[in-house]
PDB file of all heavy atoms in Angstrom:
ATOM      1  N   GLU A   1      66.872 154.400 109.329  1.00  0.00           N
ATOM      2  CA  GLU A   1      66.484 153.551 108.203  1.00  0.00           C
ATOM      3  C   GLU A   1      66.927 152.111 108.450  1.00  0.00           C
ATOM      4  O   GLU A   1      67.893 151.848 109.170  1.00  0.00           O
ATOM      5  CB  GLU A   1      67.090 154.069 106.892  1.00  0.00           C
ATOM      6  CG  GLU A   1      68.588 154.218 106.873  1.00  0.00           C
ATOM      7  CD  GLU A   1      69.094 154.848 105.595  1.00  0.00           C
ATOM      8  OE1 GLU A   1      68.316 155.001 104.621  1.00  0.00           O
ATOM      9  OE2 GLU A   1      70.288 155.198 105.561  1.00  0.00           O
ATOM     10  N   VAL A   2      66.216 151.206 107.824  1.00  0.00           N
ATOM     11  CA  VAL A   2      66.521 149.791 107.952  1.00  0.00           C
ATOM     12  C   VAL A   2      67.695 149.443 107.050  1.00  0.00           C
ATOM     13  O   VAL A   2      67.710 149.791 105.868  1.00  0.00           O
ATOM     14  CB  VAL A   2      65.305 148.928 107.558  1.00  0.00           C
ATOM     15  CG1 VAL A   2      65.659 147.452 107.639  1.00  0.00           C
ATOM     16  CG2 VAL A   2      64.120 149.249 108.461  1.00  0.00           C
ATOM     17  N   VAL A   3      68.664 148.747 107.613  1.00  0.00           N
ATOM     18  CA  VAL A   3      69.819 148.302 106.847  1.00  0.00           C
ATOM     19  C   VAL A   3      69.616 146.867 106.373  1.00  0.00           C
ATOM     20  O   VAL A   3      69.761 146.562 105.192  1.00  0.00           O
ATOM     21  CB  VAL A   3      71.111 148.395 107.677  1.00  0.00           C
ATOM     22  CG1 VAL A   3      72.300 147.889 106.863  1.00  0.00           C
ATOM     23  CG2 VAL A   3      71.346 149.819 108.158  1.00  0.00           C
ATOM     24  N   ALA A   4      69.295 145.993 107.311  1.00  0.00           N
ATOM     25  CA  ALA A   4      69.124 144.583 106.971  1.00  0.00           C
ATOM     26  C   ALA A   4      68.338 143.906 108.081  1.00  0.00           C
ATOM     27  O   ALA A   4      68.333 144.375 109.219  1.00  0.00           O
ATOM     28  CB  ALA A   4      70.475 143.894 106.794  1.00  0.00           C
ATOM     29  N   SER A   5      67.692 142.807 107.749  1.00  0.00           N
ATOM     30  CA  SER A   5      66.968 142.041 108.753  1.00  0.00           C
ATOM     31  C   SER A   5      67.053 140.560 108.426  1.00  0.00           C
ATOM     32  O   SER A   5      67.287 140.169 107.269  1.00  0.00           O
ATOM     33  CB  SER A   5      65.513 142.494 108.832  1.00  0.00           C
ATOM     34  OG  SER A   5      64.843 142.213 107.631  1.00  0.00           O
ATOM     35  N   ILE A   6      66.839 139.748 109.467  1.00  0.00           N
ATOM     36  CA  ILE A   6      66.864 138.293 109.297  1.00  0.00           C
ATOM     37  C   ILE A   6      65.862 137.690 110.259  1.00  0.00           C
ATOM     38  O   ILE A   6      65.735 138.122 111.410  1.00  0.00           O
ATOM     39  CB  ILE A   6      68.295 137.743 109.533  1.00  0.00           C
ATOM     40  CG1 ILE A   6      68.361 136.256 109.193  1.00  0.00           C
ATOM     41  CG2 ILE A   6      68.767 138.006 110.958  1.00  0.00           C
ATOM     42  CD1 ILE A   6      69.795 135.727 109.101  1.00  0.00           C
ATOM     43  N   THR A   7      65.130 136.687 109.804  1.00  0.00           N
ATOM     44  CA  THR A   7      64.143 136.027 110.650  1.00  0.00           C
ATOM     45  C   THR A   7      64.720 134.741 111.234  1.00  0.00           C
ATOM     46  O   THR A   7      65.839 134.344 110.918  1.00  0.00           O
ATOM     47  CB  THR A   7      62.881 135.698 109.842  1.00  0.00           C
ATOM     48  OG1 THR A   7      63.228 134.735 108.839  1.00  0.00           O
ATOM     49  CG2 THR A   7      62.312 136.946 109.188  1.00  0.00           C
ATOM     50  N   ASN A   8      63.917 134.070 112.062  1.00  0.00           N
ATOM     51  CA  ASN A   8      64.429 132.858 112.702  1.00  0.00           C
ATOM     52  C   ASN A   8      64.580 131.712 111.717  1.00  0.00           C
ATOM     53  O   ASN A   8      65.227 130.708 112.029  1.00  0.00           O
ATOM     54  CB  ASN A   8      63.530 132.448 113.868  1.00  0.00           C
ATOM     55  CG  ASN A   8      62.118 132.182 113.430  1.00  0.00           C
ATOM     56  OD1 ASN A   8      61.717 132.519 112.332  1.00  0.00           O
ATOM     57  ND2 ASN A   8      61.335 131.571 114.295  1.00  0.00           N
ATOM     58  N   ASN A   9      64.006 131.820 110.520  1.00  0.00           N
ATOM     59  CA  ASN A   9      64.246 130.793 109.497  1.00  0.00           C
ATOM     60  C   ASN A   9      65.224 131.293 108.433  1.00  0.00           C
ATOM     61  O   ASN A   9      65.266 130.775 107.321  1.00  0.00           O
ATOM     62  CB  ASN A   9      62.931 130.351 108.848  1.00  0.00           C
ATOM     63  CG  ASN A   9      62.237 131.498 108.136  1.00  0.00           C
ATOM     64  OD1 ASN A   9      62.691 132.625 108.161  1.00  0.00           O
ATOM     65  ND2 ASN A   9      61.120 131.190 107.504  1.00  0.00           N
ATOM     66  N   ASP A  10      66.011 132.337 108.812  1.00  0.00           N
ATOM     67  CA  ASP A  10      67.101 132.869 107.998  1.00  0.00           C
ATOM     68  C   ASP A  10      66.655 133.543 106.707  1.00  0.00           C
ATOM     69  O   ASP A  10      67.428 133.617 105.748  1.00  0.00           O
ATOM     70  CB  ASP A  10      68.137 131.776 107.701  1.00  0.00           C
ATOM     71  CG  ASP A  10      68.869 131.322 108.958  1.00  0.00           C
ATOM     72  OD1 ASP A  10      69.020 132.145 109.884  1.00  0.00           O
ATOM     73  OD2 ASP A  10      69.254 130.144 109.024  1.00  0.00           O
ATOM     74  N   SER A  11      65.451 134.035 106.682  1.00  0.00           N
ATOM     75  CA  SER A  11      65.003 134.850 105.560  1.00  0.00           C
ATOM     76  C   SER A  11      65.547 136.264 105.754  1.00  0.00           C
ATOM     77  O   SER A  11      65.399 136.844 106.832  1.00  0.00           O
ATOM     78  CB  SER A  11      63.482 134.877 105.508  1.00  0.00           C
ATOM     79  OG  SER A  11      63.033 135.750 104.494  1.00  0.00           O
ATOM     80  N   THR A  12      66.168 136.836 104.725  1.00  0.00           N
ATOM     81  CA  THR A  12      66.832 138.128 104.866  1.00  0.00           C
ATOM     82  C   THR A  12      66.237 139.186 103.944  1.00  0.00           C
ATOM     83  O   THR A  12      65.692 138.864 102.882  1.00  0.00           O
ATOM     84  CB  THR A  12      68.337 138.018 104.569  1.00  0.00           C
ATOM     85  OG1 THR A  12      68.511 137.533 103.235  1.00  0.00           O
ATOM     86  CG2 THR A  12      69.018 137.070 105.541  1.00  0.00           C
ATOM     87  N   GLU A  13      66.349 140.428 104.380  1.00  0.00           N
ATOM     88  CA  GLU A  13      65.970 141.571 103.562  1.00  0.00           C
ATOM     89  C   GLU A  13      66.996 142.672 103.771  1.00  0.00           C
ATOM     90  O   GLU A  13      67.593 142.766 104.851  1.00  0.00           O
ATOM     91  CB  GLU A  13      64.574 142.071 103.926  1.00  0.00           C
ATOM     92  CG  GLU A  13      63.452 141.134 103.549  1.00  0.00           C
ATOM     93  CD  GLU A  13      62.078 141.740 103.729  1.00  0.00           C
ATOM     94  OE1 GLU A  13      62.004 142.942 104.079  1.00  0.00           O
ATOM     95  OE2 GLU A  13      61.084 141.035 103.517  1.00  0.00           O
ATOM     96  N   TYR A  14      67.165 143.515 102.740  1.00  0.00           N
ATOM     97  CA  TYR A  14      68.157 144.584 102.810  1.00  0.00           C
ATOM     98  C   TYR A  14      67.565 145.892 102.309  1.00  0.00           C
ATOM     99  O   TYR A  14      66.674 145.898 101.438  1.00  0.00           O
ATOM    100  CB  TYR A  14      69.381 144.234 101.953  1.00  0.00           C
ATOM    101  CG  TYR A  14      70.129 143.026 102.443  1.00  0.00           C
ATOM    102  CD1 TYR A  14      69.820 141.751 101.981  1.00  0.00           C
ATOM    103  CD2 TYR A  14      71.150 143.161 103.376  1.00  0.00           C
ATOM    104  CE1 TYR A  14      70.506 140.643 102.439  1.00  0.00           C
ATOM    105  CE2 TYR A  14      71.847 142.064 103.836  1.00  0.00           C
ATOM    106  CZ  TYR A  14      71.515 140.801 103.364  1.00  0.00           C
ATOM    107  OH  TYR A  14      72.197 139.706 103.832  1.00  0.00           O
ATOM    108  N   GLY A  15      68.096 147.000 102.842  1.00  0.00           N
ATOM    109  CA  GLY A  15      67.714 148.299 102.328  1.00  0.00           C
ATOM    110  C   GLY A  15      68.226 148.474 100.910  1.00  0.00           C
ATOM    111  O   GLY A  15      69.245 147.877 100.528  1.00  0.00           O
ATOM    112  N   ASP A  16      67.526 149.274 100.131  1.00  0.00           N
ATOM    113  CA  ASP A  16      67.895 149.459  98.721  1.00  0.00           C
ATOM    114  C   ASP A  16      69.312 149.988  98.566  1.00  0.00           C
ATOM    115  O   ASP A  16      70.004 149.663  97.601  1.00  0.00           O
ATOM    116  CB  ASP A  16      66.914 150.425  98.041  1.00  0.00           C
ATOM    117  CG  ASP A  16      65.527 149.826  97.900  1.00  0.00           C
ATOM    118  OD1 ASP A  16      65.413 148.586  97.959  1.00  0.00           O
ATOM    119  OD2 ASP A  16      64.554 150.587  97.741  1.00  0.00           O
ATOM    120  N   PHE A  17      69.757 150.786  99.516  1.00  0.00           N
ATOM    121  CA  PHE A  17      71.074 151.412  99.393  1.00  0.00           C
ATOM    122  C   PHE A  17      72.215 150.409  99.598  1.00  0.00           C
ATOM    123  O   PHE A  17      73.363 150.704  99.321  1.00  0.00           O
ATOM    124  CB  PHE A  17      71.220 152.554 100.414  1.00  0.00           C
ATOM    125  CG  PHE A  17      71.064 152.089 101.835  1.00  0.00           C
ATOM    126  CD1 PHE A  17      72.157 151.602 102.541  1.00  0.00           C
ATOM    127  CD2 PHE A  17      69.839 152.129 102.466  1.00  0.00           C
ATOM    128  CE1 PHE A  17      72.023 151.173 103.849  1.00  0.00           C
ATOM    129  CE2 PHE A  17      69.689 151.702 103.776  1.00  0.00           C
ATOM    130  CZ  PHE A  17      70.785 151.213 104.471  1.00  0.00           C
ATOM    131  N   VAL A  18      71.906 149.222 100.115  1.00  0.00           N
ATOM    132  CA  VAL A  18      72.949 148.239 100.406  1.00  0.00           C
ATOM    133  C   VAL A  18      73.628 147.770  99.114  1.00  0.00           C
ATOM    134  O   VAL A  18      74.849 147.617  99.063  1.00  0.00           O
ATOM    135  CB  VAL A  18      72.357 147.053 101.187  1.00  0.00           C
ATOM    136  CG1 VAL A  18      73.367 145.922 101.280  1.00  0.00           C
ATOM    137  CG2 VAL A  18      71.932 147.505 102.572  1.00  0.00           C
ATOM    138  N   LYS A  19      72.841 147.514  98.080  1.00  0.00           N
ATOM    139  CA  LYS A  19      73.360 147.179  96.755  1.00  0.00           C
ATOM    140  C   LYS A  19      74.360 146.027  96.791  1.00  0.00           C
ATOM    141  O   LYS A  19      75.395 146.059  96.132  1.00  0.00           O
ATOM    142  CB  LYS A  19      74.009 148.419  96.117  1.00  0.00           C
ATOM    143  CG  LYS A  19      73.037 149.573  95.922  1.00  0.00           C
ATOM    144  CD  LYS A  19      73.747 150.795  95.361  1.00  0.00           C
ATOM    145  CE  LYS A  19      72.784 151.972  95.246  1.00  0.00           C
ATOM    146  NZ  LYS A  19      73.463 153.191  94.768  1.00  0.00           N
ATOM    147  N   GLY A  20      74.070 145.004  97.592  1.00  0.00           N
ATOM    148  CA  GLY A  20      74.916 143.821  97.629  1.00  0.00           C
ATOM    149  C   GLY A  20      76.195 143.976  98.436  1.00  0.00           C
ATOM    150  O   GLY A  20      77.009 143.053  98.471  1.00  0.00           O
ATOM    151  N   ARG A  21      76.371 145.093  99.106  1.00  0.00           N
ATOM    152  CA  ARG A  21      77.611 145.310  99.847  1.00  0.00           C
ATOM    153  C   ARG A  21      77.588 144.707 101.241  1.00  0.00           C
ATOM    154  O   ARG A  21      78.645 144.433 101.822  1.00  0.00           O
ATOM    155  CB  ARG A  21      77.863 146.825  99.954  1.00  0.00           C
ATOM    156  CG  ARG A  21      78.011 147.519  98.609  1.00  0.00           C
ATOM    157  CD  ARG A  21      78.251 149.011  98.795  1.00  0.00           C
ATOM    158  NE  ARG A  21      77.116 149.678  99.422  1.00  0.00           N
ATOM    159  CZ  ARG A  21      77.206 150.467 100.471  1.00  0.00           C
ATOM    160  NH1 ARG A  21      78.374 150.710 101.035  1.00  0.00           N
ATOM    161  NH2 ARG A  21      76.118 151.036 100.992  1.00  0.00           N
ATOM    162  N   PHE A  22      76.418 144.542 101.816  1.00  0.00           N
ATOM    163  CA  PHE A  22      76.300 144.066 103.199  1.00  0.00           C
ATOM    164  C   PHE A  22      75.662 142.674 103.217  1.00  0.00           C
ATOM    165  O   PHE A  22      74.827 142.353 102.360  1.00  0.00           O
ATOM    166  CB  PHE A  22      75.422 144.997 104.026  1.00  0.00           C
ATOM    167  CG  PHE A  22      75.908 146.418 104.128  1.00  0.00           C
ATOM    168  CD1 PHE A  22      75.076 147.391 104.676  1.00  0.00           C
ATOM    169  CD2 PHE A  22      77.170 146.798 103.700  1.00  0.00           C
ATOM    170  CE1 PHE A  22      75.491 148.703 104.784  1.00  0.00           C
ATOM    171  CE2 PHE A  22      77.595 148.113 103.814  1.00  0.00           C
ATOM    172  CZ  PHE A  22      76.744 149.065 104.348  1.00  0.00           C
ATOM    173  N   THR A  23      76.018 141.888 104.234  1.00  0.00           N
ATOM    174  CA  THR A  23      75.420 140.569 104.421  1.00  0.00           C
ATOM    175  C   THR A  23      75.080 140.390 105.886  1.00  0.00           C
ATOM    176  O   THR A  23      75.931 140.606 106.755  1.00  0.00           O
ATOM    177  CB  THR A  23      76.394 139.462 103.991  1.00  0.00           C
ATOM    178  OG1 THR A  23      76.763 139.651 102.625  1.00  0.00           O
ATOM    179  CG2 THR A  23      75.730 138.093 104.143  1.00  0.00           C
ATOM    180  N   ILE A  24      73.852 139.986 106.162  1.00  0.00           N
ATOM    181  CA  ILE A  24      73.435 139.710 107.530  1.00  0.00           C
ATOM    182  C   ILE A  24      73.365 138.198 107.717  1.00  0.00           C
ATOM    183  O   ILE A  24      72.960 137.464 106.815  1.00  0.00           O
ATOM    184  CB  ILE A  24      72.071 140.373 107.849  1.00  0.00           C
ATOM    185  CG1 ILE A  24      71.744 140.254 109.335  1.00  0.00           C
ATOM    186  CG2 ILE A  24      70.946 139.798 106.994  1.00  0.00           C
ATOM    187  CD1 ILE A  24      70.543 141.073 109.769  1.00  0.00           C
ATOM    188  N   SER A  25      73.796 137.742 108.894  1.00  0.00           N
ATOM    189  CA  SER A  25      73.758 136.310 109.204  1.00  0.00           C
ATOM    190  C   SER A  25      73.555 136.153 110.703  1.00  0.00           C
ATOM    191  O   SER A  25      73.657 137.119 111.459  1.00  0.00           O
ATOM    192  CB  SER A  25      75.048 135.627 108.766  1.00  0.00           C
ATOM    193  OG  SER A  25      76.163 136.188 109.436  1.00  0.00           O
ATOM    194  N   ARG A  26      73.264 134.949 111.125  1.00  0.00           N
ATOM    195  CA  ARG A  26      73.072 134.733 112.558  1.00  0.00           C
ATOM    196  C   ARG A  26      73.613 133.376 112.975  1.00  0.00           C
ATOM    197  O   ARG A  26      73.633 132.425 112.191  1.00  0.00           O
ATOM    198  CB  ARG A  26      71.599 134.857 112.936  1.00  0.00           C
ATOM    199  CG  ARG A  26      70.673 133.872 112.278  1.00  0.00           C
ATOM    200  CD  ARG A  26      69.215 134.206 112.598  1.00  0.00           C
ATOM    201  NE  ARG A  26      68.896 133.865 113.990  1.00  0.00           N
ATOM    202  CZ  ARG A  26      67.779 134.215 114.611  1.00  0.00           C
ATOM    203  NH1 ARG A  26      66.873 134.939 113.975  1.00  0.00           N
ATOM    204  NH2 ARG A  26      67.553 133.874 115.853  1.00  0.00           N
ATOM    205  N   ASP A  27      74.046 133.323 114.236  1.00  0.00           N
ATOM    206  CA  ASP A  27      74.486 132.094 114.873  1.00  0.00           C
ATOM    207  C   ASP A  27      73.458 131.777 115.948  1.00  0.00           C
ATOM    208  O   ASP A  27      73.416 132.428 116.992  1.00  0.00           O
ATOM    209  CB  ASP A  27      75.882 132.290 115.467  1.00  0.00           C
ATOM    210  CG  ASP A  27      76.452 131.011 116.054  1.00  0.00           C
ATOM    211  OD1 ASP A  27      75.671 130.218 116.628  1.00  0.00           O
ATOM    212  OD2 ASP A  27      77.668 130.806 115.960  1.00  0.00           O
ATOM    213  N   HIS A  28      72.635 130.780 115.709  1.00  0.00           N
ATOM    214  CA  HIS A  28      71.556 130.467 116.640  1.00  0.00           C
ATOM    215  C   HIS A  28      72.096 130.050 118.010  1.00  0.00           C
ATOM    216  O   HIS A  28      71.549 130.433 119.044  1.00  0.00           O
ATOM    217  CB  HIS A  28      70.672 129.355 116.059  1.00  0.00           C
ATOM    218  CG  HIS A  28      69.917 129.764 114.849  1.00  0.00           C
ATOM    219  ND1 HIS A  28      68.619 130.252 114.912  1.00  0.00           N
ATOM    220  CD2 HIS A  28      70.249 129.796 113.548  1.00  0.00           C
ATOM    221  CE1 HIS A  28      68.196 130.538 113.695  1.00  0.00           C
ATOM    222  NE2 HIS A  28      69.176 130.275 112.843  1.00  0.00           N
ATOM    223  N   ASP A  29      73.179 129.276 118.011  1.00  0.00           N
ATOM    224  CA  ASP A  29      73.717 128.772 119.281  1.00  0.00           C
ATOM    225  C   ASP A  29      74.253 129.904 120.145  1.00  0.00           C
ATOM    226  O   ASP A  29      74.178 129.855 121.372  1.00  0.00           O
ATOM    227  CB  ASP A  29      74.818 127.754 119.017  1.00  0.00           C
ATOM    228  CG  ASP A  29      74.277 126.483 118.389  1.00  0.00           C
ATOM    229  OD1 ASP A  29      73.072 126.192 118.576  1.00  0.00           O
ATOM    230  OD2 ASP A  29      75.048 125.771 117.717  1.00  0.00           O
ATOM    231  N   LYS A  30      74.832 130.939 119.517  1.00  0.00           N
ATOM    232  CA  LYS A  30      75.412 132.049 120.261  1.00  0.00           C
ATOM    233  C   LYS A  30      74.429 133.205 120.430  1.00  0.00           C
ATOM    234  O   LYS A  30      74.775 134.226 121.027  1.00  0.00           O
ATOM    235  CB  LYS A  30      76.664 132.554 119.539  1.00  0.00           C
ATOM    236  CG  LYS A  30      77.803 131.535 119.499  1.00  0.00           C
ATOM    237  CD  LYS A  30      79.028 132.110 118.795  1.00  0.00           C
ATOM    238  CE  LYS A  30      80.154 131.101 118.780  1.00  0.00           C
ATOM    239  NZ  LYS A  30      81.351 131.630 118.077  1.00  0.00           N
ATOM    240  N   ASN A  31      73.222 133.066 119.890  1.00  0.00           N
ATOM    241  CA  ASN A  31      72.220 134.141 119.955  1.00  0.00           C
ATOM    242  C   ASN A  31      72.806 135.457 119.444  1.00  0.00           C
ATOM    243  O   ASN A  31      72.551 136.532 120.013  1.00  0.00           O
ATOM    244  CB  ASN A  31      71.700 134.320 121.383  1.00  0.00           C
ATOM    245  CG  ASN A  31      70.221 134.638 121.409  1.00  0.00           C
ATOM    246  OD1 ASN A  31      69.536 134.591 120.390  1.00  0.00           O
ATOM    247  ND2 ASN A  31      69.716 134.995 122.577  1.00  0.00           N
ATOM    248  N   THR A  32      73.565 135.350 118.384  1.00  0.00           N
ATOM    249  CA  THR A  32      74.288 136.496 117.840  1.00  0.00           C
ATOM    250  C   THR A  32      73.932 136.698 116.374  1.00  0.00           C
ATOM    251  O   THR A  32      73.783 135.728 115.623  1.00  0.00           O
ATOM    252  CB  THR A  32      75.808 136.286 117.975  1.00  0.00           C
ATOM    253  OG1 THR A  32      76.127 136.130 119.356  1.00  0.00           O
ATOM    254  CG2 THR A  32      76.581 137.468 117.416  1.00  0.00           C
ATOM    255  N   VAL A  33      73.814 137.958 116.007  1.00  0.00           N
ATOM    256  CA  VAL A  33      73.584 138.342 114.618  1.00  0.00           C
ATOM    257  C   VAL A  33      74.790 139.139 114.147  1.00  0.00           C
ATOM    258  O   VAL A  33      75.309 139.984 114.893  1.00  0.00           O
ATOM    259  CB  VAL A  33      72.301 139.182 114.477  1.00  0.00           C
ATOM    260  CG1 VAL A  33      72.157 139.723 113.058  1.00  0.00           C
ATOM    261  CG2 VAL A  33      71.084 138.346 114.829  1.00  0.00           C
ATOM    262  N   TYR A  34      75.210 138.881 112.933  1.00  0.00           N
ATOM    263  CA  TYR A  34      76.370 139.560 112.372  1.00  0.00           C
ATOM    264  C   TYR A  34      75.942 140.355 111.136  1.00  0.00           C
ATOM    265  O   TYR A  34      74.961 140.037 110.472  1.00  0.00           O
ATOM    266  CB  TYR A  34      77.437 138.550 111.955  1.00  0.00           C
ATOM    267  CG  TYR A  34      77.886 137.644 113.057  1.00  0.00           C
ATOM    268  CD1 TYR A  34      77.352 136.364 113.197  1.00  0.00           C
ATOM    269  CD2 TYR A  34      78.855 138.051 113.970  1.00  0.00           C
ATOM    270  CE1 TYR A  34      77.757 135.528 114.211  1.00  0.00           C
ATOM    271  CE2 TYR A  34      79.278 137.214 114.985  1.00  0.00           C
ATOM    272  CZ  TYR A  34      78.729 135.958 115.100  1.00  0.00           C
ATOM    273  OH  TYR A  34      79.140 135.136 116.117  1.00  0.00           O
ATOM    274  N   ARG A  35      76.732 141.368 110.858  1.00  0.00           N
ATOM    275  CA  ARG A  35      76.545 142.077 109.604  1.00  0.00           C
ATOM    276  C   ARG A  35      77.899 142.414 109.032  1.00  0.00           C
ATOM    277  O   ARG A  35      78.645 143.208 109.608  1.00  0.00           O
ATOM    278  CB  ARG A  35      75.719 143.333 109.769  1.00  0.00           C
ATOM    279  CG  ARG A  35      75.348 143.988 108.446  1.00  0.00           C
ATOM    280  CD  ARG A  35      74.162 144.898 108.616  1.00  0.00           C
ATOM    281  NE  ARG A  35      74.423 145.874 109.651  1.00  0.00           N
ATOM    282  CZ  ARG A  35      75.096 146.999 109.449  1.00  0.00           C
ATOM    283  NH1 ARG A  35      75.576 147.266 108.265  1.00  0.00           N
ATOM    284  NH2 ARG A  35      75.288 147.838 110.441  1.00  0.00           N
ATOM    285  N   GLN A  36      78.202 141.807 107.908  1.00  0.00           N
ATOM    286  CA  GLN A  36      79.436 142.077 107.199  1.00  0.00           C
ATOM    287  C   GLN A  36      79.188 143.231 106.234  1.00  0.00           C
ATOM    288  O   GLN A  36      78.242 143.173 105.430  1.00  0.00           O
ATOM    289  CB  GLN A  36      79.898 140.832 106.428  1.00  0.00           C
ATOM    290  CG  GLN A  36      81.159 141.035 105.609  1.00  0.00           C
ATOM    291  CD  GLN A  36      82.386 141.235 106.480  1.00  0.00           C
ATOM    292  OE1 GLN A  36      82.525 140.605 107.523  1.00  0.00           O
ATOM    293  NE2 GLN A  36      83.283 142.119 106.060  1.00  0.00           N
ATOM    294  N   MET A  37      80.001 144.260 106.331  1.00  0.00           N
ATOM    295  CA  MET A  37      79.852 145.426 105.461  1.00  0.00           C
ATOM    296  C   MET A  37      81.117 145.581 104.625  1.00  0.00           C
ATOM    297  O   MET A  37      82.211 145.751 105.181  1.00  0.00           O
ATOM    298  CB  MET A  37      79.626 146.691 106.293  1.00  0.00           C
ATOM    299  CG  MET A  37      78.434 146.605 107.220  1.00  0.00           C
ATOM    300  SD  MET A  37      78.045 148.185 108.014  1.00  0.00           S
ATOM    301  CE  MET A  37      79.523 148.414 109.007  1.00  0.00           C
ATOM    302  N   ASN A  38      80.962 145.524 103.334  1.00  0.00           N
ATOM    303  CA  ASN A  38      82.091 145.674 102.412  1.00  0.00           C
ATOM    304  C   ASN A  38      81.898 146.913 101.550  1.00  0.00           C
ATOM    305  O   ASN A  38      80.787 147.428 101.425  1.00  0.00           O
ATOM    306  CB  ASN A  38      82.210 144.437 101.523  1.00  0.00           C
ATOM    307  CG  ASN A  38      82.472 143.175 102.313  1.00  0.00           C
ATOM    308  OD1 ASN A  38      83.182 143.181 103.312  1.00  0.00           O
ATOM    309  ND2 ASN A  38      81.888 142.075 101.863  1.00  0.00           N
ATOM    310  N   ASP A  39      82.995 147.370 100.959  1.00  0.00           N
ATOM    311  CA  ASP A  39      82.954 148.508 100.038  1.00  0.00           C
ATOM    312  C   ASP A  39      82.224 149.699 100.685  1.00  0.00           C
ATOM    313  O   ASP A  39      81.306 150.274 100.094  1.00  0.00           O
ATOM    314  CB  ASP A  39      82.257 148.103  98.731  1.00  0.00           C
ATOM    315  CG  ASP A  39      82.486 149.102  97.620  1.00  0.00           C
ATOM    316  OD1 ASP A  39      83.443 149.897  97.710  1.00  0.00           O
ATOM    317  OD2 ASP A  39      81.684 149.118  96.659  1.00  0.00           O
ATOM    318  N   LEU A  40      82.620 150.030 101.879  1.00  0.00           N
ATOM    319  CA  LEU A  40      81.968 151.099 102.616  1.00  0.00           C
ATOM    320  C   LEU A  40      82.200 152.454 101.961  1.00  0.00           C
ATOM    321  O   LEU A  40      83.258 152.706 101.368  1.00  0.00           O
ATOM    322  CB  LEU A  40      82.467 151.125 104.057  1.00  0.00           C
ATOM    323  CG  LEU A  40      81.893 150.014 104.934  1.00  0.00           C
ATOM    324  CD1 LEU A  40      82.739 149.801 106.170  1.00  0.00           C
ATOM    325  CD2 LEU A  40      80.456 150.330 105.313  1.00  0.00           C
ATOM    326  N   GLU A  41      81.181 153.296 102.092  1.00  0.00           N
ATOM    327  CA  GLU A  41      81.204 154.634 101.513  1.00  0.00           C
ATOM    328  C   GLU A  41      81.025 155.669 102.622  1.00  0.00           C
ATOM    329  O   GLU A  41      80.452 155.361 103.669  1.00  0.00           O
ATOM    330  CB  GLU A  41      80.057 154.769 100.507  1.00  0.00           C
ATOM    331  CG  GLU A  41      80.038 153.720  99.424  1.00  0.00           C
ATOM    332  CD  GLU A  41      78.728 153.711  98.650  1.00  0.00           C
ATOM    333  OE1 GLU A  41      77.773 154.411  99.044  1.00  0.00           O
ATOM    334  OE2 GLU A  41      78.670 152.985  97.618  1.00  0.00           O
ATOM    335  N   PRO A  42      81.491 156.892 102.407  1.00  0.00           N
ATOM    336  CA  PRO A  42      81.270 157.937 103.423  1.00  0.00           C
ATOM    337  C   PRO A  42      79.786 158.094 103.788  1.00  0.00           C
ATOM    338  O   PRO A  42      79.478 158.421 104.938  1.00  0.00           O
ATOM    339  CB  PRO A  42      81.824 159.189 102.749  1.00  0.00           C
ATOM    340  CG  PRO A  42      82.920 158.674 101.856  1.00  0.00           C
ATOM    341  CD  PRO A  42      82.389 157.364 101.329  1.00  0.00           C
TER     342      PRO A  42
END
């Protein structure tokens, strides 16, 4: 299942189950994408 996505203009989308707990971001210079996950559940 899809958790999160981000485009090259930083438009983001999240799976319904995320419920504001996760954040996706990217560093263009480092060609790196990050995902911060908070309030994790089993």
